[in-house]
Amino acid sequence: SLDTVDSQFESASVGEFNDRFEIVFQENTLSIHSLELKNQLSIIELGNNEFTFKTSNMHSVKSLEIYDVQGRKVYVLDGFENSATYSLPALHKATYIAKATMDNEVVVTKKMLKRF
């Protein structure tokens, strides 16, 4: 493999070789559709440091973690069935990342914005 071992290429002639490597693109790389995953979790800011998190499918949320943009974990919250409202007073006006682990072990990450 090219990423694990240094490689040397030798050629008897000097110049450009435009047909040495081939880049191949495949349409489907995963069986999970990212658009479906993003729609599994809705985040609604209610004001007064409260946020409602809702799922839009048959799976419940096993755990919910909130990170700041520097990757620091700000909150670890209990899971919920369909929706839950949490008071998050440690959040300041900024952008955060919500990481939800569903009961089927699928991890959904979504940006959330604290505006009030």
Protein backbone atom coordinates (compact mmCIF):
# COMPACT_ATOMS: atom_id res chain seq x y z
CA SER A 1 0.00 0.00 0.00
CA LEU A 2 1.26 3.48 -0.81
CA ASP A 3 0.34 4.95 2.59
CA THR A 4 2.29 2.46 4.72
CA VAL A 5 5.54 2.07 2.78
CA ASP A 6 7.73 4.59 0.97
CA SER A 7 7.60 3.90 -2.76
CA GLN A 8 10.07 4.59 -5.51
CA PHE A 9 9.14 4.94 -9.14
CA GLU A 10 11.74 4.55 -11.83
CA SER A 11 11.30 5.25 -15.50
CA ALA A 12 13.64 4.89 -18.42
CA SER A 13 12.24 8.02 -20.04
CA VAL A 14 11.79 11.56 -18.79
CA GLY A 15 8.57 13.54 -19.17
CA GLU A 16 4.90 13.63 -18.23
CA PHE A 17 3.00 10.39 -17.84
CA ASN A 18 -0.71 11.16 -17.80
CA ASP A 19 -1.90 7.54 -17.91
CA ARG A 20 0.07 6.05 -15.01
CA PHE A 21 -2.68 6.17 -12.37
CA GLU A 22 -6.43 5.94 -12.61
CA ILE A 23 -8.82 7.63 -10.20
CA VAL A 24 -12.13 5.82 -9.90
CA PHE A 25 -15.22 7.29 -8.22
CA GLN A 26 -17.98 5.05 -6.93
CA GLU A 27 -21.50 6.39 -6.45
CA ASN A 28 -22.44 4.49 -3.28
CA THR A 29 -19.80 4.09 -0.61
CA LEU A 30 -22.04 3.42 2.40
CA SER A 31 -25.42 1.87 2.82
CA ILE A 32 -26.49 4.64 5.23
CA HIS A 33 -27.84 7.81 3.66
CA SER A 34 -26.46 10.89 5.42
CA LEU A 35 -29.56 12.95 4.69
CA GLU A 36 -31.71 10.41 6.51
CA LEU A 37 -29.33 10.49 9.47
CA LYS A 38 -29.37 14.28 9.74
CA ASN A 39 -33.17 14.27 9.76
CA GLN A 40 -33.29 11.80 12.66
CA LEU A 41 -32.58 14.54 15.22
CA SER A 42 -34.18 17.97 15.55
CA ILE A 43 -32.86 20.62 17.94
CA ILE A 44 -35.08 23.52 18.98
CA GLU A 45 -33.88 26.39 21.17
CA LEU A 46 -36.71 27.50 23.45
CA GLY A 47 -34.95 30.35 25.26
CA ASN A 48 -34.14 30.53 28.99
CA ASN A 49 -31.23 28.10 28.34
CA GLU A 50 -33.64 25.32 27.34
CA PHE A 51 -33.38 23.11 24.27
CA THR A 52 -35.77 20.44 23.00
CA PHE A 53 -34.31 17.44 21.18
CA LYS A 54 -36.65 15.29 19.06
CA THR A 55 -36.20 12.13 17.05
CA SER A 56 -38.17 11.59 13.88
CA ASN A 57 -37.92 7.82 13.60
CA MET A 58 -38.61 4.66 15.55
CA HIS A 59 -35.27 4.74 17.40
CA SER A 60 -34.68 6.31 20.77
CA VAL A 61 -31.57 8.25 21.79
CA LYS A 62 -29.31 6.23 24.08
CA SER A 63 -26.99 9.13 24.96
CA LEU A 64 -26.59 12.77 23.98
CA GLU A 65 -23.33 14.73 24.20
CA ILE A 66 -22.79 18.44 23.53
CA TYR A 67 -19.36 19.67 22.36
CA ASP A 68 -18.05 23.18 21.75
CA VAL A 69 -16.29 24.01 18.47
CA GLN A 70 -12.90 23.27 20.07
CA GLY A 71 -13.98 19.69 20.72
CA ARG A 72 -14.45 20.02 24.48
CA LYS A 73 -17.32 18.00 25.92
CA VAL A 74 -19.71 20.46 27.59
CA TYR A 75 -22.61 18.16 28.52
CA VAL A 76 -23.35 14.44 28.74
CA LEU A 77 -27.11 13.94 28.88
CA ASP A 78 -29.36 10.94 29.45
CA GLY A 79 -31.10 9.42 26.48
CA PHE A 80 -34.79 9.73 25.66
CA GLU A 81 -37.56 8.07 23.65
CA ASN A 82 -39.13 10.63 21.29
CA SER A 83 -38.30 14.05 22.71
CA ALA A 84 -36.77 15.68 25.76
CA THR A 85 -36.20 19.21 26.98
CA TYR A 86 -32.99 20.01 28.83
CA SER A 87 -31.83 23.11 30.68
CA LEU A 88 -28.28 23.88 29.49
CA PRO A 89 -27.15 26.98 31.43
CA ALA A 90 -23.43 26.46 30.70
CA LEU A 91 -23.95 27.20 27.00
CA HIS A 92 -23.07 30.71 25.86
CA LYS A 93 -24.05 32.30 22.54
CA ALA A 94 -22.04 30.12 20.15
CA THR A 95 -22.15 27.11 17.84
CA TYR A 96 -22.05 23.62 19.35
CA ILE A 97 -22.11 20.03 18.11
CA ALA A 98 -24.75 17.61 19.40
CA LYS A 99 -23.73 13.95 19.18
CA ALA A 100 -26.60 11.52 19.66
CA THR A 101 -26.04 7.77 19.92
CA MET A 102 -29.23 6.01 18.90
CA ASP A 103 -30.42 2.72 20.40
CA ASN A 104 -29.30 0.92 17.21
CA GLU A 105 -25.73 2.29 17.78
CA VAL A 106 -25.97 4.77 14.87
CA VAL A 107 -24.27 8.05 15.79
CA VAL A 108 -25.89 11.27 14.55
CA THR A 109 -24.03 14.58 14.82
CA LYS A 110 -25.72 17.89 14.23
CA LYS A 111 -24.75 21.53 14.62
CA MET A 112 -26.69 23.54 17.16
CA LEU A 113 -26.70 27.29 17.65
CA LYS A 114 -27.24 29.03 20.98
CA ARG A 115 -28.74 32.38 20.02
CA PHE A 116 -30.49 33.63 23.20
